[in-house]
């Protein structure tokens, strides 16, 4: 049985391979973004590890609060919506953990 991290790592590897093409042989833009939006530390680590060896690939992880209140969930989504253009156009990897006061 796989751990949650192993399952996420396998899932990211399969999807990234399917979309970007195995070993870079697929037709894709010169530079690719892989975005991970979620509340799991396993998901964050899996996307960063899966993309680490990929050429011309930018990993962008946004880790939300685990078990947020409804108000916190709304605030996280509002923040993400405001920042998404900057996140997508950032020319590099991002590893952002959202915290709210």
PDB file of N, CA and C in Angstrom:
ATOM      1  N   UNK A   1       0.846  -1.190   0.000  1.00  0.00           N
ATOM      2  CA  UNK A   1       0.000   0.000   0.000  1.00  0.00           C
ATOM      3  C   UNK A   1       0.885   1.246   0.000  1.00  0.00           C
ATOM      4  N   UNK A   2       0.523   2.214  -0.822  1.00  0.00           N
ATOM      5  CA  UNK A   2       1.309   3.436  -0.941  1.00  0.00           C
ATOM      6  C   UNK A   2       0.942   4.440   0.148  1.00  0.00           C
ATOM      7  N   UNK A   3       1.938   5.208   0.561  1.00  0.00           N
ATOM      8  CA  UNK A   3       1.684   6.312   1.483  1.00  0.00           C
ATOM      9  C   UNK A   3       1.012   7.441   0.699  1.00  0.00           C
ATOM     10  N   UNK A   4       0.399   8.417   1.389  1.00  0.00           N
ATOM     11  CA  UNK A   4      -0.189   9.555   0.671  1.00  0.00           C
ATOM     12  C   UNK A   4       0.833  10.279  -0.209  1.00  0.00           C
ATOM     13  N   UNK A   5       2.067  10.424   0.289  1.00  0.00           N
ATOM     14  CA  UNK A   5       3.103  11.078  -0.513  1.00  0.00           C
ATOM     15  C   UNK A   5       3.421  10.262  -1.763  1.00  0.00           C
ATOM     16  N   UNK A   6       3.597   8.947  -1.615  1.00  0.00           N
ATOM     17  CA  UNK A   6       3.917   8.100  -2.768  1.00  0.00           C
ATOM     18  C   UNK A   6       2.800   8.140  -3.806  1.00  0.00           C
ATOM     19  N   UNK A   7       1.553   8.141  -3.341  1.00  0.00           N
ATOM     20  CA  UNK A   7       0.417   8.202  -4.258  1.00  0.00           C
ATOM     21  C   UNK A   7       0.427   9.523  -5.030  1.00  0.00           C
ATOM     22  N   UNK A   8       0.659  10.642  -4.319  1.00  0.00           N
ATOM     23  CA  UNK A   8       0.705  11.955  -4.974  1.00  0.00           C
ATOM     24  C   UNK A   8       1.878  12.030  -5.949  1.00  0.00           C
ATOM     25  N   UNK A   9       3.031  11.512  -5.566  1.00  0.00           N
ATOM     26  CA  UNK A   9       4.206  11.526  -6.426  1.00  0.00           C
ATOM     27  C   UNK A   9       3.929  10.766  -7.724  1.00  0.00           C
ATOM     28  N   UNK A  10       3.308   9.612  -7.610  1.00  0.00           N
ATOM     29  CA  UNK A  10       2.961   8.807  -8.782  1.00  0.00           C
ATOM     30  C   UNK A  10       1.933   9.541  -9.649  1.00  0.00           C
ATOM     31  N   UNK A  11       0.923  10.126  -9.021  1.00  0.00           N
ATOM     32  CA  UNK A  11      -0.118  10.846  -9.768  1.00  0.00           C
ATOM     33  C   UNK A  11       0.465  12.046 -10.513  1.00  0.00           C
ATOM     34  N   UNK A  12       1.306  12.830  -9.843  1.00  0.00           N
ATOM     35  CA  UNK A  12       1.934  13.973 -10.509  1.00  0.00           C
ATOM     36  C   UNK A  12       2.827  13.508 -11.649  1.00  0.00           C
ATOM     37  N   UNK A  13       3.613  12.469 -11.411  1.00  0.00           N
ATOM     38  CA  UNK A  13       4.487  11.955 -12.461  1.00  0.00           C
ATOM     39  C   UNK A  13       3.710  11.515 -13.686  1.00  0.00           C
ATOM     40  N   UNK A  14       2.602  10.811 -13.472  1.00  0.00           N
ATOM     41  CA  UNK A  14       1.776  10.352 -14.595  1.00  0.00           C
ATOM     42  C   UNK A  14       1.175  11.519 -15.367  1.00  0.00           C
ATOM     43  N   UNK A  15       0.594  12.475 -14.664  1.00  0.00           N
ATOM     44  CA  UNK A  15      -0.063  13.602 -15.332  1.00  0.00           C
ATOM     45  C   UNK A  15       0.937  14.519 -16.026  1.00  0.00           C
ATOM     46  N   UNK A  16       2.039  14.811 -15.366  1.00  0.00           N
ATOM     47  CA  UNK A  16       3.050  15.675 -15.984  1.00  0.00           C
ATOM     48  C   UNK A  16       3.644  14.985 -17.206  1.00  0.00           C
ATOM     49  N   UNK A  17       3.897  13.693 -17.107  1.00  0.00           N
ATOM     50  CA  UNK A  17       4.393  12.941 -18.259  1.00  0.00           C
ATOM     51  C   UNK A  17       3.401  12.939 -19.408  1.00  0.00           C
ATOM     52  N   UNK A  18       2.120  12.794 -19.087  1.00  0.00           N
ATOM     53  CA  UNK A  18       1.077  12.773 -20.117  1.00  0.00           C
ATOM     54  C   UNK A  18       0.967  14.130 -20.813  1.00  0.00           C
ATOM     55  N   UNK A  19       1.000  15.202 -20.037  1.00  0.00           N
ATOM     56  CA  UNK A  19       0.805  16.536 -20.605  1.00  0.00           C
ATOM     57  C   UNK A  19       2.068  17.062 -21.286  1.00  0.00           C
ATOM     58  N   UNK A  20       3.207  16.908 -20.646  1.00  0.00           N
ATOM     59  CA  UNK A  20       4.445  17.468 -21.196  1.00  0.00           C
ATOM     60  C   UNK A  20       5.179  16.511 -22.120  1.00  0.00           C
ATOM     61  N   UNK A  21       4.825  15.257 -22.094  1.00  0.00           N
ATOM     62  CA  UNK A  21       5.498  14.280 -22.947  1.00  0.00           C
ATOM     63  C   UNK A  21       6.645  13.624 -22.213  1.00  0.00           C
ATOM     64  N   UNK A  22       6.740  12.344 -22.360  1.00  0.00           N
ATOM     65  CA  UNK A  22       7.798  11.585 -21.687  1.00  0.00           C
ATOM     66  C   UNK A  22       9.170  12.051 -22.164  1.00  0.00           C
ATOM     67  N   UNK A  23      10.031  12.339 -21.217  1.00  0.00           N
ATOM     68  CA  UNK A  23      11.426  12.693 -21.475  1.00  0.00           C
ATOM     69  C   UNK A  23      11.576  13.876 -22.427  1.00  0.00           C
ATOM     70  N   UNK A  24      10.575  14.769 -22.435  1.00  0.00           N
ATOM     71  CA  UNK A  24      10.689  15.967 -23.254  1.00  0.00           C
ATOM     72  C   UNK A  24      10.441  15.752 -24.729  1.00  0.00           C
ATOM     73  N   UNK A  25       9.947  14.567 -25.138  1.00  0.00           N
ATOM     74  CA  UNK A  25       9.730  14.302 -26.557  1.00  0.00           C
ATOM     75  C   UNK A  25       8.382  14.809 -27.055  1.00  0.00           C
ATOM     76  N   UNK A  26       7.498  15.188 -26.137  1.00  0.00           N
ATOM     77  CA  UNK A  26       6.192  15.686 -26.550  1.00  0.00           C
ATOM     78  C   UNK A  26       6.290  17.103 -27.077  1.00  0.00           C
ATOM     79  N   UNK A  27       5.293  17.511 -27.825  1.00  0.00           N
ATOM     80  CA  UNK A  27       5.254  18.886 -28.310  1.00  0.00           C
ATOM     81  C   UNK A  27       4.680  19.747 -27.206  1.00  0.00           C
ATOM     82  N   UNK A  28       5.461  20.725 -26.785  1.00  0.00           N
ATOM     83  CA  UNK A  28       5.021  21.605 -25.718  1.00  0.00           C
ATOM     84  C   UNK A  28       5.679  22.958 -25.894  1.00  0.00           C
ATOM     85  N   UNK A  29       5.150  23.971 -25.228  1.00  0.00           N
ATOM     86  CA  UNK A  29       5.782  25.283 -25.312  1.00  0.00           C
ATOM     87  C   UNK A  29       7.218  25.229 -24.801  1.00  0.00           C
ATOM     88  N   UNK A  30       7.966  26.227 -25.150  1.00  0.00           N
ATOM     89  CA  UNK A  30       9.367  26.287 -24.747  1.00  0.00           C
ATOM     90  C   UNK A  30       9.521  26.195 -23.231  1.00  0.00           C
ATOM     91  N   UNK A  31       8.636  26.832 -22.499  1.00  0.00           N
ATOM     92  CA  UNK A  31       8.683  26.803 -21.040  1.00  0.00           C
ATOM     93  C   UNK A  31       7.301  26.419 -20.530  1.00  0.00           C
ATOM     94  N   UNK A  32       7.262  25.575 -19.517  1.00  0.00           N
ATOM     95  CA  UNK A  32       5.985  25.120 -18.976  1.00  0.00           C
ATOM     96  C   UNK A  32       5.880  25.465 -17.499  1.00  0.00           C
ATOM     97  N   UNK A  33       4.659  25.739 -17.063  1.00  0.00           N
ATOM     98  CA  UNK A  33       4.345  25.925 -15.652  1.00  0.00           C
ATOM     99  C   UNK A  33       3.563  24.715 -15.175  1.00  0.00           C
ATOM    100  N   UNK A  34       3.913  24.210 -14.006  1.00  0.00           N
ATOM    101  CA  UNK A  34       3.118  23.184 -13.344  1.00  0.00           C
ATOM    102  C   UNK A  34       2.666  23.796 -12.029  1.00  0.00           C
ATOM    103  N   UNK A  35       1.357  24.006 -11.897  1.00  0.00           N
ATOM    104  CA  UNK A  35       0.802  24.613 -10.694  1.00  0.00           C
ATOM    105  C   UNK A  35       0.142  23.564  -9.821  1.00  0.00           C
ATOM    106  N   UNK A  36       0.404  23.648  -8.540  1.00  0.00           N
ATOM    107  CA  UNK A  36      -0.239  22.784  -7.560  1.00  0.00           C
ATOM    108  C   UNK A  36      -0.894  23.678  -6.524  1.00  0.00           C
ATOM    109  N   UNK A  37      -2.205  23.550  -6.396  1.00  0.00           N
ATOM    110  CA  UNK A  37      -2.970  24.329  -5.428  1.00  0.00           C
ATOM    111  C   UNK A  37      -3.642  23.344  -4.489  1.00  0.00           C
ATOM    112  N   UNK A  38      -3.293  23.375  -3.213  1.00  0.00           N
ATOM    113  CA  UNK A  38      -3.908  22.429  -2.299  1.00  0.00           C
ATOM    114  C   UNK A  38      -3.486  22.651  -0.865  1.00  0.00           C
ATOM    115  N   UNK A  39      -4.060  21.845   0.023  1.00  0.00           N
ATOM    116  CA  UNK A  39      -3.781  22.001   1.451  1.00  0.00           C
ATOM    117  C   UNK A  39      -2.893  20.893   2.011  1.00  0.00           C
ATOM    118  N   UNK A  40      -2.366  20.049   1.147  1.00  0.00           N
ATOM    119  CA  UNK A  40      -1.599  18.893   1.598  1.00  0.00           C
ATOM    120  C   UNK A  40      -0.093  19.120   1.466  1.00  0.00           C
ATOM    121  N   UNK A  41       0.637  18.839   2.539  1.00  0.00           N
ATOM    122  CA  UNK A  41       2.098  18.896   2.477  1.00  0.00           C
ATOM    123  C   UNK A  41       2.622  17.829   1.516  1.00  0.00           C
ATOM    124  N   UNK A  42       1.908  16.701   1.414  1.00  0.00           N
ATOM    125  CA  UNK A  42       2.307  15.631   0.492  1.00  0.00           C
ATOM    126  C   UNK A  42       2.238  16.116  -0.951  1.00  0.00           C
ATOM    127  N   UNK A  43       1.192  16.848  -1.280  1.00  0.00           N
ATOM    128  CA  UNK A  43       1.029  17.370  -2.639  1.00  0.00           C
ATOM    129  C   UNK A  43       2.130  18.374  -2.960  1.00  0.00           C
ATOM    130  N   UNK A  44       2.416  19.247  -2.016  1.00  0.00           N
ATOM    131  CA  UNK A  44       3.464  20.251  -2.201  1.00  0.00           C
ATOM    132  C   UNK A  44       4.803  19.572  -2.486  1.00  0.00           C
ATOM    133  N   UNK A  45       5.178  18.626  -1.657  1.00  0.00           N
ATOM    134  CA  UNK A  45       6.455  17.934  -1.824  1.00  0.00           C
ATOM    135  C   UNK A  45       6.486  17.133  -3.126  1.00  0.00           C
ATOM    136  N   UNK A  46       5.376  16.513  -3.481  1.00  0.00           N
ATOM    137  CA  UNK A  46       5.328  15.693  -4.698  1.00  0.00           C
ATOM    138  C   UNK A  46       5.523  16.539  -5.953  1.00  0.00           C
ATOM    139  N   UNK A  47       4.879  17.694  -6.041  1.00  0.00           N
ATOM    140  CA  UNK A  47       5.035  18.517  -7.249  1.00  0.00           C
ATOM    141  C   UNK A  47       6.452  19.067  -7.341  1.00  0.00           C
ATOM    142  N   UNK A  48       7.031  19.452  -6.217  1.00  0.00           N
ATOM    143  CA  UNK A  48       8.394  19.979  -6.244  1.00  0.00           C
ATOM    144  C   UNK A  48       9.391  18.888  -6.647  1.00  0.00           C
ATOM    145  N   UNK A  49       9.209  17.701  -6.129  1.00  0.00           N
ATOM    146  CA  UNK A  49      10.130  16.608  -6.455  1.00  0.00           C
ATOM    147  C   UNK A  49       9.943  16.120  -7.893  1.00  0.00           C
ATOM    148  N   UNK A  50       8.701  16.022  -8.347  1.00  0.00           N
ATOM    149  CA  UNK A  50       8.430  15.523  -9.696  1.00  0.00           C
ATOM    150  C   UNK A  50       9.003  16.443 -10.767  1.00  0.00           C
ATOM    151  N   UNK A  51       8.957  17.739 -10.545  1.00  0.00           N
ATOM    152  CA  UNK A  51       9.408  18.695 -11.554  1.00  0.00           C
ATOM    153  C   UNK A  51      10.885  19.065 -11.424  1.00  0.00           C
ATOM    154  N   UNK A  52      11.543  18.623 -10.373  1.00  0.00           N
ATOM    155  CA  UNK A  52      12.925  19.043 -10.097  1.00  0.00           C
ATOM    156  C   UNK A  52      13.873  18.773 -11.261  1.00  0.00           C
ATOM    157  N   UNK A  53      13.716  17.672 -11.958  1.00  0.00           N
ATOM    158  CA  UNK A  53      14.642  17.336 -13.029  1.00  0.00           C
ATOM    159  C   UNK A  53      14.163  17.689 -14.422  1.00  0.00           C
ATOM    160  N   UNK A  54      13.040  18.376 -14.526  1.00  0.00           N
ATOM    161  CA  UNK A  54      12.493  18.687 -15.849  1.00  0.00           C
ATOM    162  C   UNK A  54      13.061  19.996 -16.380  1.00  0.00           C
ATOM    163  N   UNK A  55      13.536  19.949 -17.593  1.00  0.00           N
ATOM    164  CA  UNK A  55      14.106  21.121 -18.251  1.00  0.00           C
ATOM    165  C   UNK A  55      12.990  22.077 -18.666  1.00  0.00           C
ATOM    166  N   UNK A  56      13.217  23.358 -18.518  1.00  0.00           N
ATOM    167  CA  UNK A  56      12.271  24.403 -18.929  1.00  0.00           C
ATOM    168  C   UNK A  56      10.894  24.234 -18.299  1.00  0.00           C
ATOM    169  N   UNK A  57      10.876  23.796 -17.060  1.00  0.00           N
ATOM    170  CA  UNK A  57       9.617  23.600 -16.346  1.00  0.00           C
ATOM    171  C   UNK A  57       9.680  24.373 -15.035  1.00  0.00           C
ATOM    172  N   UNK A  58       8.656  25.169 -14.785  1.00  0.00           N
ATOM    173  CA  UNK A  58       8.574  25.952 -13.558  1.00  0.00           C
ATOM    174  C   UNK A  58       7.511  25.337 -12.654  1.00  0.00           C
ATOM    175  N   UNK A  59       7.919  24.912 -11.465  1.00  0.00           N
ATOM    176  CA  UNK A  59       6.978  24.375 -10.479  1.00  0.00           C
ATOM    177  C   UNK A  59       6.497  25.517  -9.599  1.00  0.00           C
ATOM    178  N   UNK A  60       5.193  25.588  -9.418  1.00  0.00           N
ATOM    179  CA  UNK A  60       4.605  26.644  -8.602  1.00  0.00           C
ATOM    180  C   UNK A  60       3.591  26.010  -7.663  1.00  0.00           C
ATOM    181  N   UNK A  61       3.974  25.951  -6.399  1.00  0.00           N
ATOM    182  CA  UNK A  61       3.142  25.312  -5.388  1.00  0.00           C
ATOM    183  C   UNK A  61       2.550  26.369  -4.465  1.00  0.00           C
ATOM    184  N   UNK A  62       1.231  26.342  -4.323  1.00  0.00           N
ATOM    185  CA  UNK A  62       0.533  27.185  -3.357  1.00  0.00           C
ATOM    186  C   UNK A  62      -0.113  26.257  -2.349  1.00  0.00           C
ATOM    187  N   UNK A  63       0.404  26.271  -1.140  1.00  0.00           N
ATOM    188  CA  UNK A  63      -0.141  25.413  -0.094  1.00  0.00           C
ATOM    189  C   UNK A  63      -1.083  26.234   0.770  1.00  0.00           C
ATOM    190  N   UNK A  64      -2.325  25.792   0.815  1.00  0.00           N
ATOM    191  CA  UNK A  64      -3.351  26.454   1.612  1.00  0.00           C
ATOM    192  C   UNK A  64      -3.351  25.910   3.037  1.00  0.00           C
ATOM    193  N   UNK A  65      -4.120  26.555   3.889  1.00  0.00           N
ATOM    194  CA  UNK A  65      -4.281  26.095   5.266  1.00  0.00           C
ATOM    195  C   UNK A  65      -4.964  24.731   5.287  1.00  0.00           C
ATOM    196  N   UNK A  66      -4.541  23.884   6.207  1.00  0.00           N
ATOM    197  CA  UNK A  66      -5.238  22.620   6.412  1.00  0.00           C
ATOM    198  C   UNK A  66      -6.442  22.888   7.309  1.00  0.00           C
ATOM    199  N   UNK A  67      -7.572  22.350   6.952  1.00  0.00           N
ATOM    200  CA  UNK A  67      -8.821  22.492   7.701  1.00  0.00           C
ATOM    201  C   UNK A  67      -9.168  23.954   8.012  1.00  0.00           C
ATOM    202  N   UNK A  68      -9.277  24.799   6.974  1.00  0.00           N
ATOM    203  CA  UNK A  68      -9.611  26.208   7.217  1.00  0.00           C
ATOM    204  C   UNK A  68     -11.089  26.377   7.566  1.00  0.00           C
ATOM    205  N   UNK A  69     -11.380  27.486   8.218  1.00  0.00           N
ATOM    206  CA  UNK A  69     -12.776  27.861   8.431  1.00  0.00           C
ATOM    207  C   UNK A  69     -13.331  28.353   7.091  1.00  0.00           C
ATOM    208  N   UNK A  70     -14.633  28.547   7.015  1.00  0.00           N
ATOM    209  CA  UNK A  70     -15.237  29.045   5.775  1.00  0.00           C
ATOM    210  C   UNK A  70     -14.671  30.425   5.438  1.00  0.00           C
ATOM    211  N   UNK A  71     -14.522  31.272   6.440  1.00  0.00           N
ATOM    212  CA  UNK A  71     -13.964  32.610   6.218  1.00  0.00           C
ATOM    213  C   UNK A  71     -12.530  32.521   5.698  1.00  0.00           C
ATOM    214  N   UNK A  72     -11.718  31.668   6.296  1.00  0.00           N
ATOM    215  CA  UNK A  72     -10.335  31.509   5.844  1.00  0.00           C
ATOM    216  C   UNK A  72     -10.272  30.961   4.423  1.00  0.00           C
ATOM    217  N   UNK A  73     -11.145  30.029   4.109  1.00  0.00           N
ATOM    218  CA  UNK A  73     -11.194  29.464   2.762  1.00  0.00           C
ATOM    219  C   UNK A  73     -11.511  30.554   1.739  1.00  0.00           C
ATOM    220  N   UNK A  74     -12.483  31.388   2.037  1.00  0.00           N
ATOM    221  CA  UNK A  74     -12.840  32.492   1.136  1.00  0.00           C
ATOM    222  C   UNK A  74     -11.676  33.467   0.980  1.00  0.00           C
ATOM    223  N   UNK A  75     -11.018  33.790   2.073  1.00  0.00           N
ATOM    224  CA  UNK A  75      -9.887  34.724   2.018  1.00  0.00           C
ATOM    225  C   UNK A  75      -8.723  34.148   1.215  1.00  0.00           C
ATOM    226  N   UNK A  76      -8.459  32.854   1.360  1.00  0.00           N
ATOM    227  CA  UNK A  76      -7.395  32.216   0.575  1.00  0.00           C
ATOM    228  C   UNK A  76      -7.697  32.299  -0.915  1.00  0.00           C
ATOM    229  N   UNK A  77      -8.935  32.026  -1.277  1.00  0.00           N
ATOM    230  CA  UNK A  77      -9.314  32.055  -2.690  1.00  0.00           C
ATOM    231  C   UNK A  77      -9.274  33.472  -3.250  1.00  0.00           C
ATOM    232  N   UNK A  78      -9.664  34.457  -2.464  1.00  0.00           N
ATOM    233  CA  UNK A  78      -9.578  35.849  -2.911  1.00  0.00           C
ATOM    234  C   UNK A  78      -8.120  36.250  -3.132  1.00  0.00           C
ATOM    235  N   UNK A  79      -7.254  35.867  -2.210  1.00  0.00           N
ATOM    236  CA  UNK A  79      -5.827  36.159  -2.342  1.00  0.00           C
ATOM    237  C   UNK A  79      -5.251  35.498  -3.589  1.00  0.00           C
ATOM    238  N   UNK A  80      -5.580  34.233  -3.790  1.00  0.00           N
ATOM    239  CA  UNK A  80      -5.087  33.505  -4.957  1.00  0.00           C
ATOM    240  C   UNK A  80      -5.571  34.161  -6.252  1.00  0.00           C
ATOM    241  N   UNK A  81      -6.833  34.548  -6.300  1.00  0.00           N
ATOM    242  CA  UNK A  81      -7.382  35.171  -7.506  1.00  0.00           C
ATOM    243  C   UNK A  81      -6.656  36.478  -7.829  1.00  0.00           C
ATOM    244  N   UNK A  82      -6.332  37.254  -6.803  1.00  0.00           N
ATOM    245  CA  UNK A  82      -5.612  38.518  -7.022  1.00  0.00           C
ATOM    246  C   UNK A  82      -4.184  38.287  -7.495  1.00  0.00           C
ATOM    247  N   UNK A  83      -3.547  37.245  -7.003  1.00  0.00           N
ATOM    248  CA  UNK A  83      -2.122  37.016  -7.273  1.00  0.00           C
ATOM    249  C   UNK A  83      -1.849  36.093  -8.458  1.00  0.00           C
ATOM    250  N   UNK A  84      -2.859  35.432  -8.988  1.00  0.00           N
ATOM    251  CA  UNK A  84      -2.634  34.417 -10.018  1.00  0.00           C
ATOM    252  C   UNK A  84      -1.859  34.931 -11.237  1.00  0.00           C
ATOM    253  N   UNK A  85      -2.156  36.117 -11.780  1.00  0.00           N
ATOM    254  CA  UNK A  85      -1.358  36.566 -12.939  1.00  0.00           C
ATOM    255  C   UNK A  85       0.141  36.661 -12.624  1.00  0.00           C
ATOM    256  N   UNK A  86       0.486  37.186 -11.457  1.00  0.00           N
ATOM    257  CA  UNK A  86       1.899  37.293 -11.083  1.00  0.00           C
ATOM    258  C   UNK A  86       2.525  35.919 -10.884  1.00  0.00           C
ATOM    259  N   UNK A  87       1.769  35.001 -10.317  1.00  0.00           N
ATOM    260  CA  UNK A  87       2.273  33.643 -10.096  1.00  0.00           C
ATOM    261  C   UNK A  87       2.569  32.970 -11.436  1.00  0.00           C
ATOM    262  N   UNK A  88       1.628  33.035 -12.342  1.00  0.00           N
ATOM    263  CA  UNK A  88       1.784  32.377 -13.642  1.00  0.00           C
ATOM    264  C   UNK A  88       2.934  32.981 -14.439  1.00  0.00           C
ATOM    265  N   UNK A  89       3.078  34.297 -14.397  1.00  0.00           N
ATOM    266  CA  UNK A  89       4.098  34.958 -15.214  1.00  0.00           C
ATOM    267  C   UNK A  89       5.470  35.023 -14.551  1.00  0.00           C
ATOM    268  N   UNK A  90       5.575  34.598 -13.307  1.00  0.00           N
ATOM    269  CA  UNK A  90       6.876  34.577 -12.632  1.00  0.00           C
ATOM    270  C   UNK A  90       7.798  33.592 -13.351  1.00  0.00           C
ATOM    271  N   UNK A  91       8.981  34.050 -13.725  1.00  0.00           N
ATOM    272  CA  UNK A  91       9.916  33.212 -14.478  1.00  0.00           C
ATOM    273  C   UNK A  91      10.837  32.456 -13.525  1.00  0.00           C
ATOM    274  N   UNK A  92      10.264  31.480 -12.863  1.00  0.00           N
ATOM    275  CA  UNK A  92      11.026  30.663 -11.927  1.00  0.00           C
ATOM    276  C   UNK A  92      10.087  29.808 -11.107  1.00  0.00           C
ATOM    277  N   UNK A  93      10.654  29.005 -10.237  1.00  0.00           N
ATOM    278  CA  UNK A  93       9.857  28.171  -9.350  1.00  0.00           C
ATOM    279  C   UNK A  93       9.327  29.012  -8.195  1.00  0.00           C
ATOM    280  N   UNK A  94       8.181  28.605  -7.662  1.00  0.00           N
ATOM    281  CA  UNK A  94       7.605  29.246  -6.481  1.00  0.00           C
ATOM    282  C   UNK A  94       7.145  28.171  -5.511  1.00  0.00           C
ATOM    283  N   UNK A  95       7.349  28.432  -4.244  1.00  0.00           N
ATOM    284  CA  UNK A  95       6.884  27.542  -3.179  1.00  0.00           C
ATOM    285  C   UNK A  95       6.274  28.442  -2.113  1.00  0.00           C
ATOM    286  N   UNK A  96       4.958  28.615  -2.174  1.00  0.00           N
ATOM    287  CA  UNK A  96       4.261  29.566  -1.315  1.00  0.00           C
ATOM    288  C   UNK A  96       3.346  28.816  -0.356  1.00  0.00           C
ATOM    289  N   UNK A  97       3.507  29.099   0.927  1.00  0.00           N
ATOM    290  CA  UNK A  97       2.607  28.563   1.948  1.00  0.00           C
ATOM    291  C   UNK A  97       1.795  29.736   2.482  1.00  0.00           C
ATOM    292  N   UNK A  98       0.496  29.678   2.291  1.00  0.00           N
ATOM    293  CA  UNK A  98      -0.381  30.772   2.696  1.00  0.00           C
ATOM    294  C   UNK A  98      -0.691  30.659   4.180  1.00  0.00           C
ATOM    295  N   UNK A  99      -0.538  31.776   4.874  1.00  0.00           N
ATOM    296  CA  UNK A  99      -0.949  31.837   6.278  1.00  0.00           C
ATOM    297  C   UNK A  99      -1.799  33.089   6.443  1.00  0.00           C
ATOM    298  N   UNK A 100      -2.844  32.973   7.212  1.00  0.00           N
ATOM    299  CA  UNK A 100      -3.758  34.090   7.437  1.00  0.00           C
ATOM    300  C   UNK A 100      -3.818  34.392   8.922  1.00  0.00           C
ATOM    301  N   UNK A 101      -3.977  35.642   9.231  1.00  0.00           N
ATOM    302  CA  UNK A 101      -4.106  36.051  10.643  1.00  0.00           C
ATOM    303  C   UNK A 101      -5.536  36.367  10.949  1.00  0.00           C
TER     304      UNK A 101
END
